[in-house]
Amino acid sequence: MIEKIELQKCKNLANEIDRIFPLSTKTKEAFCQIKREKFVPIGFKHYAYKLDALPLSSDQWISSPLTVAKMTEYLQIDDSVDSVLEIGCGSGYQAAILSRLVRRVFSIERVEKLAIQAKQRFKEMNLTNINVRCDDGQNGWSGFAPYDRILFSATAKEIPKKIFDQLKIGGILVAPMEKKETHVITKFIKTANEIAKTELESCKFVPILDGVEK
């Protein structure tokens, strides 16, 4: 009975997002399958299915479900996409959504405690296709490159060349970029000759930081 109620909450959330920002069928199904309450602090469980960002430890946040949906859709994931690299795992909610859409997800988190907690959540939820690494996300994860898609879940001033080097030709990178006093979700498409950039919409994310926090 509890399982049925939780899944109905997921479905209601997916429908609410879809009314505001139309979702592809597969993305909507992913939101229906992943219980957001598993990713929020215990004291915020009653807010889990609202369209709000919620605080985590270490001055980090779990993004609004609406923001997670937008970032997911902007990646333009289709059947040809096999692997996604996420920079900024946080609670793991974004990675969990992506895990329902692609065969392999690689997620980097600089805060060791958050990385350990995310790994435990994925294990408990039997999300076996997500790989988590504690590292400075600006290094990427070269061992499994190149990736079909790369997603930044934190705001960057610029995208390091080594990250673009880990993106396949024809691949898409989506990141919130600092622009004067605002943040702008930006899509980059890598071709053989250039990196094409498109600004999509304003947003608010925590900034990407250097190094690893033990």
C-alpha atoms as a PDB file:
ATOM      1  CA  MET A   1       0.000   0.000   0.000  1.00  0.00           C
ATOM      2  CA  ILE A   2       2.841   2.386   0.942  1.00  0.00           C
ATOM      3  CA  GLU A   3       4.624   1.545  -2.322  1.00  0.00           C
ATOM      4  CA  LYS A   4       1.467   2.358  -4.302  1.00  0.00           C
ATOM      5  CA  ILE A   5       1.047   5.708  -2.514  1.00  0.00           C
ATOM      6  CA  GLU A   6       4.682   6.673  -3.141  1.00  0.00           C
ATOM      7  CA  LEU A   7       4.433   5.842  -6.837  1.00  0.00           C
ATOM      8  CA  GLN A   8       1.204   7.851  -7.105  1.00  0.00           C
ATOM      9  CA  LYS A   9       3.065  10.841  -5.624  1.00  0.00           C
ATOM     10  CA  CYS A  10       5.749  10.365  -8.295  1.00  0.00           C
ATOM     11  CA  LYS A  11       3.080  10.257 -10.998  1.00  0.00           C
ATOM     12  CA  ASN A  12       1.421  13.406  -9.654  1.00  0.00           C
ATOM     13  CA  LEU A  13       4.788  15.172  -9.650  1.00  0.00           C
ATOM     14  CA  ALA A  14       5.473  14.096 -13.229  1.00  0.00           C
ATOM     15  CA  ASN A  15       2.068  15.378 -14.315  1.00  0.00           C
ATOM     16  CA  GLU A  16       2.621  18.721 -12.564  1.00  0.00           C
ATOM     17  CA  ILE A  17       5.989  19.170 -14.271  1.00  0.00           C
ATOM     18  CA  ASP A  18       4.514  18.165 -17.620  1.00  0.00           C
ATOM     19  CA  ARG A  19       1.838  20.857 -17.351  1.00  0.00           C
ATOM     20  CA  ILE A  20       4.502  23.528 -16.870  1.00  0.00           C
ATOM     21  CA  PHE A  21       7.244  22.124 -19.096  1.00  0.00           C
ATOM     22  CA  PRO A  22       6.104  19.399 -21.538  1.00  0.00           C
ATOM     23  CA  LEU A  23       8.085  16.197 -21.093  1.00  0.00           C
ATOM     24  CA  SER A  24       8.973  13.444 -23.513  1.00  0.00           C
ATOM     25  CA  THR A  25       7.268  10.135 -22.778  1.00  0.00           C
ATOM     26  CA  LYS A  26      10.482   8.521 -21.531  1.00  0.00           C
ATOM     27  CA  THR A  27      11.418  11.403 -19.256  1.00  0.00           C
ATOM     28  CA  LYS A  28       7.942  11.462 -17.762  1.00  0.00           C
ATOM     29  CA  GLU A  29       8.140   7.718 -17.135  1.00  0.00           C
ATOM     30  CA  ALA A  30      11.495   8.223 -15.383  1.00  0.00           C
ATOM     31  CA  PHE A  31       9.953  10.742 -12.982  1.00  0.00           C
ATOM     32  CA  CYS A  32       7.127   8.303 -12.316  1.00  0.00           C
ATOM     33  CA  GLN A  33       9.654   5.627 -11.299  1.00  0.00           C
ATOM     34  CA  ILE A  34      12.083   7.548  -9.079  1.00  0.00           C
ATOM     35  CA  LYS A  35      10.869   8.410  -5.572  1.00  0.00           C
ATOM     36  CA  ARG A  36      12.229  11.853  -4.767  1.00  0.00           C
ATOM     37  CA  GLU A  37      11.652  11.392  -1.039  1.00  0.00           C
ATOM     38  CA  LYS A  38      14.587   8.939  -1.047  1.00  0.00           C
ATOM     39  CA  PHE A  39      16.907  11.839  -1.893  1.00  0.00           C
ATOM     40  CA  VAL A  40      15.826  14.582   0.511  1.00  0.00           C
ATOM     41  CA  PRO A  41      16.832  15.003   4.186  1.00  0.00           C
ATOM     42  CA  ILE A  42      14.472  13.356   6.673  1.00  0.00           C
ATOM     43  CA  GLY A  43      13.165  16.678   7.948  1.00  0.00           C
ATOM     44  CA  PHE A  44      12.045  17.678   4.448  1.00  0.00           C
ATOM     45  CA  LYS A  45      10.190  14.501   3.408  1.00  0.00           C
ATOM     46  CA  HIS A  46       6.857  16.352   3.364  1.00  0.00           C
ATOM     47  CA  TYR A  47       8.298  18.722   0.736  1.00  0.00           C
ATOM     48  CA  ALA A  48       9.719  15.951  -1.465  1.00  0.00           C
ATOM     49  CA  TYR A  49       7.020  16.164  -4.145  1.00  0.00           C
ATOM     50  CA  LYS A  50       6.786  19.932  -4.327  1.00  0.00           C
ATOM     51  CA  LEU A  51       8.545  21.924  -7.055  1.00  0.00           C
ATOM     52  CA  ASP A  52      11.114  23.301  -4.625  1.00  0.00           C
ATOM     53  CA  ALA A  53      14.870  23.046  -4.297  1.00  0.00           C
ATOM     54  CA  LEU A  54      15.779  21.647  -0.869  1.00  0.00           C
ATOM     55  CA  PRO A  55      18.943  21.981   1.244  1.00  0.00           C
ATOM     56  CA  LEU A  56      21.488  19.219   1.691  1.00  0.00           C
ATOM     57  CA  SER A  57      24.621  19.254   3.851  1.00  0.00           C
ATOM     58  CA  SER A  58      27.844  21.107   2.915  1.00  0.00           C
ATOM     59  CA  ASP A  59      25.918  24.100   1.520  1.00  0.00           C
ATOM     60  CA  GLN A  60      24.577  21.962  -1.326  1.00  0.00           C
ATOM     61  CA  TRP A  61      21.010  21.691  -2.618  1.00  0.00           C
ATOM     62  CA  ILE A  62      18.821  19.130  -4.337  1.00  0.00           C
ATOM     63  CA  SER A  63      17.488  20.926  -7.397  1.00  0.00           C
ATOM     64  CA  SER A  64      13.810  21.539  -7.994  1.00  0.00           C
ATOM     65  CA  PRO A  65      12.193  18.622  -9.869  1.00  0.00           C
ATOM     66  CA  LEU A  66      11.262  21.122 -12.569  1.00  0.00           C
ATOM     67  CA  THR A  67      14.910  22.106 -13.001  1.00  0.00           C
ATOM     68  CA  VAL A  68      15.971  18.454 -13.099  1.00  0.00           C
ATOM     69  CA  ALA A  69      13.359  17.846 -15.802  1.00  0.00           C
ATOM     70  CA  LYS A  70      14.548  20.786 -17.875  1.00  0.00           C
ATOM     71  CA  MET A  71      18.217  19.784 -17.654  1.00  0.00           C
ATOM     72  CA  THR A  72      17.280  16.229 -18.622  1.00  0.00           C
ATOM     73  CA  GLU A  73      15.258  17.308 -21.653  1.00  0.00           C
ATOM     74  CA  TYR A  74      17.908  19.775 -22.817  1.00  0.00           C
ATOM     75  CA  LEU A  75      20.321  16.830 -23.142  1.00  0.00           C
ATOM     76  CA  GLN A  76      18.111  15.562 -25.992  1.00  0.00           C
ATOM     77  CA  ILE A  77      18.519  11.924 -25.030  1.00  0.00           C
ATOM     78  CA  ASP A  78      17.410   9.437 -27.664  1.00  0.00           C
ATOM     79  CA  ASP A  79      18.015   5.734 -28.312  1.00  0.00           C
ATOM     80  CA  SER A  80      21.515   6.428 -29.649  1.00  0.00           C
ATOM     81  CA  VAL A  81      22.706   7.801 -26.293  1.00  0.00           C
ATOM     82  CA  ASP A  82      24.574   5.203 -24.252  1.00  0.00           C
ATOM     83  CA  SER A  83      26.476   7.172 -21.592  1.00  0.00           C
ATOM     84  CA  VAL A  84      26.076  10.396 -19.636  1.00  0.00           C
ATOM     85  CA  LEU A  85      28.646  12.081 -17.407  1.00  0.00           C
ATOM     86  CA  GLU A  86      27.197  14.236 -14.621  1.00  0.00           C
ATOM     87  CA  ILE A  87      29.381  16.743 -12.820  1.00  0.00           C
ATOM     88  CA  GLY A  88      27.887  17.419  -9.390  1.00  0.00           C
ATOM     89  CA  CYS A  89      26.065  14.335  -8.077  1.00  0.00           C
ATOM     90  CA  GLY A  90      24.701  15.975  -4.918  1.00  0.00           C
ATOM     91  CA  SER A  91      21.831  13.872  -3.573  1.00  0.00           C
ATOM     92  CA  GLY A  92      21.867  11.680  -6.674  1.00  0.00           C
ATOM     93  CA  TYR A  93      18.337  12.539  -7.843  1.00  0.00           C
ATOM     94  CA  GLN A  94      19.408  13.832 -11.252  1.00  0.00           C
ATOM     95  CA  ALA A  95      21.601  10.765 -11.817  1.00  0.00           C
ATOM     96  CA  ALA A  96      18.721   8.500 -10.816  1.00  0.00           C
ATOM     97  CA  ILE A  97      16.433  10.101 -13.393  1.00  0.00           C
ATOM     98  CA  LEU A  98      19.132   9.751 -16.054  1.00  0.00           C
ATOM     99  CA  SER A  99      19.624   6.088 -15.116  1.00  0.00           C
ATOM    100  CA  ARG A 100      16.131   5.329 -16.414  1.00  0.00           C
ATOM    101  CA  LEU A 101      16.993   6.872 -19.803  1.00  0.00           C
ATOM    102  CA  VAL A 102      20.487   5.608 -20.652  1.00  0.00           C
ATOM    103  CA  ARG A 103      22.537   2.456 -20.162  1.00  0.00           C
ATOM    104  CA  ARG A 104      25.366   4.048 -18.167  1.00  0.00           C
ATOM    105  CA  VAL A 105      25.542   7.093 -15.888  1.00  0.00           C
ATOM    106  CA  PHE A 106      28.822   8.378 -14.464  1.00  0.00           C
ATOM    107  CA  SER A 107      28.430  10.963 -11.702  1.00  0.00           C
ATOM    108  CA  ILE A 108      31.182  12.924  -9.934  1.00  0.00           C
ATOM    109  CA  GLU A 109      30.782  14.553  -6.515  1.00  0.00           C
ATOM    110  CA  ARG A 110      33.492  16.617  -4.799  1.00  0.00           C
ATOM    111  CA  VAL A 111      31.994  16.268  -1.279  1.00  0.00           C
ATOM    112  CA  GLU A 112      32.950  12.809  -0.045  1.00  0.00           C
ATOM    113  CA  LYS A 113      30.017  12.503   2.381  1.00  0.00           C
ATOM    114  CA  LEU A 114      27.497  13.253  -0.363  1.00  0.00           C
ATOM    115  CA  ALA A 115      29.159  10.776  -2.731  1.00  0.00           C
ATOM    116  CA  ILE A 116      28.973   8.021  -0.098  1.00  0.00           C
ATOM    117  CA  GLN A 117      25.313   8.798   0.641  1.00  0.00           C
ATOM    118  CA  ALA A 118      24.415   8.784  -3.063  1.00  0.00           C
ATOM    119  CA  LYS A 119      26.111   5.420  -3.572  1.00  0.00           C
ATOM    120  CA  GLN A 120      24.118   3.978  -0.676  1.00  0.00           C
ATOM    121  CA  ARG A 121      20.832   5.314  -2.066  1.00  0.00           C
ATOM    122  CA  PHE A 122      21.530   3.815  -5.483  1.00  0.00           C
ATOM    123  CA  LYS A 123      22.357   0.465  -3.886  1.00  0.00           C
ATOM    124  CA  GLU A 124      19.148   0.467  -1.824  1.00  0.00           C
ATOM    125  CA  MET A 125      17.098   1.390  -4.900  1.00  0.00           C
ATOM    126  CA  ASN A 126      18.860  -1.205  -7.066  1.00  0.00           C
ATOM    127  CA  LEU A 127      20.004   1.444  -9.553  1.00  0.00           C
ATOM    128  CA  THR A 128      22.950  -0.610 -10.740  1.00  0.00           C
ATOM    129  CA  ASN A 129      23.900   1.409 -13.824  1.00  0.00           C
ATOM    130  CA  ILE A 130      25.089   4.517 -11.933  1.00  0.00           C
ATOM    131  CA  ASN A 131      28.787   4.895 -11.177  1.00  0.00           C
ATOM    132  CA  VAL A 132      29.833   7.495  -8.577  1.00  0.00           C
ATOM    133  CA  ARG A 133      33.286   8.948  -8.012  1.00  0.00           C
ATOM    134  CA  CYS A 134      34.489  11.445  -5.409  1.00  0.00           C
ATOM    135  CA  ASP A 135      36.706  13.921  -7.246  1.00  0.00           C
ATOM    136  CA  ASP A 136      36.924  17.478  -8.522  1.00  0.00           C
ATOM    137  CA  GLY A 137      34.304  17.353 -11.268  1.00  0.00           C
ATOM    138  CA  GLN A 138      36.284  19.762 -13.425  1.00  0.00           C
ATOM    139  CA  ASN A 139      38.657  16.864 -14.125  1.00  0.00           C
ATOM    140  CA  GLY A 140      35.884  14.807 -15.667  1.00  0.00           C
ATOM    141  CA  TRP A 141      36.205  11.014 -15.702  1.00  0.00           C
ATOM    142  CA  SER A 142      38.548  10.175 -18.555  1.00  0.00           C
ATOM    143  CA  GLY A 143      38.595   6.428 -17.937  1.00  0.00           C
ATOM    144  CA  PHE A 144      35.147   5.956 -19.494  1.00  0.00           C
ATOM    145  CA  ALA A 145      35.263   8.758 -22.055  1.00  0.00           C
ATOM    146  CA  PRO A 146      34.102   9.738 -24.570  1.00  0.00           C
ATOM    147  CA  TYR A 147      30.538  10.383 -23.405  1.00  0.00           C
ATOM    148  CA  ASP A 148      27.444  10.958 -25.520  1.00  0.00           C
ATOM    149  CA  ARG A 149      26.215  13.618 -23.109  1.00  0.00           C
ATOM    150  CA  ILE A 150      27.724  15.667 -20.271  1.00  0.00           C
ATOM    151  CA  LEU A 151      25.667  17.518 -17.676  1.00  0.00           C
ATOM    152  CA  PHE A 152      26.845  20.090 -15.163  1.00  0.00           C
ATOM    153  CA  SER A 153      24.672  20.213 -12.043  1.00  0.00           C
ATOM    154  CA  ALA A 154      26.558  23.253 -10.735  1.00  0.00           C
ATOM    155  CA  THR A 155      27.267  26.647 -12.242  1.00  0.00           C
ATOM    156  CA  ALA A 156      30.535  27.072 -14.143  1.00  0.00           C
ATOM    157  CA  LYS A 157      32.412  30.195 -15.187  1.00  0.00           C
ATOM    158  CA  GLU A 158      33.810  28.256 -18.137  1.00  0.00           C
ATOM    159  CA  ILE A 159      33.948  24.664 -19.372  1.00  0.00           C
ATOM    160  CA  PRO A 160      37.482  23.220 -19.123  1.00  0.00           C
ATOM    161  CA  LYS A 161      38.941  21.945 -22.393  1.00  0.00           C
ATOM    162  CA  LYS A 162      39.549  18.554 -20.777  1.00  0.00           C
ATOM    163  CA  ILE A 163      35.776  18.208 -20.318  1.00  0.00           C
ATOM    164  CA  PHE A 164      35.031  18.953 -23.963  1.00  0.00           C
ATOM    165  CA  ASP A 165      37.766  16.442 -24.855  1.00  0.00           C
ATOM    166  CA  GLN A 166      35.698  13.793 -23.048  1.00  0.00           C
ATOM    167  CA  LEU A 167      32.590  14.537 -25.141  1.00  0.00           C
ATOM    168  CA  LYS A 168      31.972  12.600 -28.348  1.00  0.00           C
ATOM    169  CA  ILE A 169      31.798  14.326 -31.704  1.00  0.00           C
ATOM    170  CA  GLY A 170      28.103  15.109 -32.097  1.00  0.00           C
ATOM    171  CA  GLY A 171      27.659  15.016 -28.331  1.00  0.00           C
ATOM    172  CA  ILE A 172      25.792  17.565 -26.219  1.00  0.00           C
ATOM    173  CA  LEU A 173      26.935  19.259 -23.021  1.00  0.00           C
ATOM    174  CA  VAL A 174      24.443  21.196 -20.886  1.00  0.00           C
ATOM    175  CA  ALA A 175      25.611  23.496 -18.109  1.00  0.00           C
ATOM    176  CA  PRO A 176      24.408  26.476 -16.101  1.00  0.00           C
ATOM    177  CA  MET A 177      26.919  29.217 -16.904  1.00  0.00           C
ATOM    178  CA  GLU A 178      27.732  32.362 -14.972  1.00  0.00           C
ATOM    179  CA  LYS A 179      26.850  35.460 -16.974  1.00  0.00           C
ATOM    180  CA  LYS A 180      27.339  38.777 -15.163  1.00  0.00           C
ATOM    181  CA  GLU A 181      24.904  38.655 -12.243  1.00  0.00           C
ATOM    182  CA  THR A 182      22.839  35.733 -13.542  1.00  0.00           C
ATOM    183  CA  HIS A 183      23.125  32.052 -14.405  1.00  0.00           C
ATOM    184  CA  VAL A 184      22.072  30.777 -17.830  1.00  0.00           C
ATOM    185  CA  ILE A 185      21.434  27.171 -18.830  1.00  0.00           C
ATOM    186  CA  THR A 186      23.580  26.739 -21.924  1.00  0.00           C
ATOM    187  CA  LYS A 187      23.734  23.925 -24.470  1.00  0.00           C
ATOM    188  CA  PHE A 188      26.991  23.110 -26.270  1.00  0.00           C
ATOM    189  CA  ILE A 189      27.120  20.801 -29.301  1.00  0.00           C
ATOM    190  CA  LYS A 190      30.510  19.421 -30.292  1.00  0.00           C
ATOM    191  CA  THR A 191      31.262  19.023 -33.991  1.00  0.00           C
ATOM    192  CA  ALA A 192      34.480  18.045 -35.702  1.00  0.00           C
ATOM    193  CA  ASN A 193      35.328  21.719 -36.218  1.00  0.00           C
ATOM    194  CA  GLU A 194      33.769  23.691 -33.373  1.00  0.00           C
ATOM    195  CA  ILE A 195      31.732  23.877 -30.193  1.00  0.00           C
ATOM    196  CA  ALA A 196      28.370  25.483 -30.981  1.00  0.00           C
ATOM    197  CA  LYS A 197      26.734  27.277 -28.044  1.00  0.00           C
ATOM    198  CA  THR A 198      23.060  28.108 -27.405  1.00  0.00           C
ATOM    199  CA  GLU A 199      21.748  29.956 -24.351  1.00  0.00           C
ATOM    200  CA  LEU A 200      18.438  28.494 -23.196  1.00  0.00           C
ATOM    201  CA  GLU A 201      17.095  30.151 -20.038  1.00  0.00           C
ATOM    202  CA  SER A 202      18.068  31.774 -16.759  1.00  0.00           C
ATOM    203  CA  CYS A 203      18.464  29.578 -13.698  1.00  0.00           C
ATOM    204  CA  LYS A 204      19.940  29.352 -10.211  1.00  0.00           C
ATOM    205  CA  PHE A 205      22.497  26.726  -9.185  1.00  0.00           C
ATOM    206  CA  VAL A 206      25.230  26.445  -6.574  1.00  0.00           C
ATOM    207  CA  PRO A 207      28.687  27.192  -8.045  1.00  0.00           C
ATOM    208  CA  ILE A 208      31.148  24.500  -8.984  1.00  0.00           C
ATOM    209  CA  LEU A 209      34.107  24.512  -6.577  1.00  0.00           C
ATOM    210  CA  ASP A 210      37.715  23.385  -6.855  1.00  0.00           C
ATOM    211  CA  GLY A 211      39.152  20.348  -5.128  1.00  0.00           C
ATOM    212  CA  VAL A 212      37.620  17.632  -2.949  1.00  0.00           C
ATOM    213  CA  GLU A 213      35.979  18.008   0.470  1.00  0.00           C
ATOM    214  CA  LYS A 214      36.723  15.045   2.731  1.00  0.00           C
END
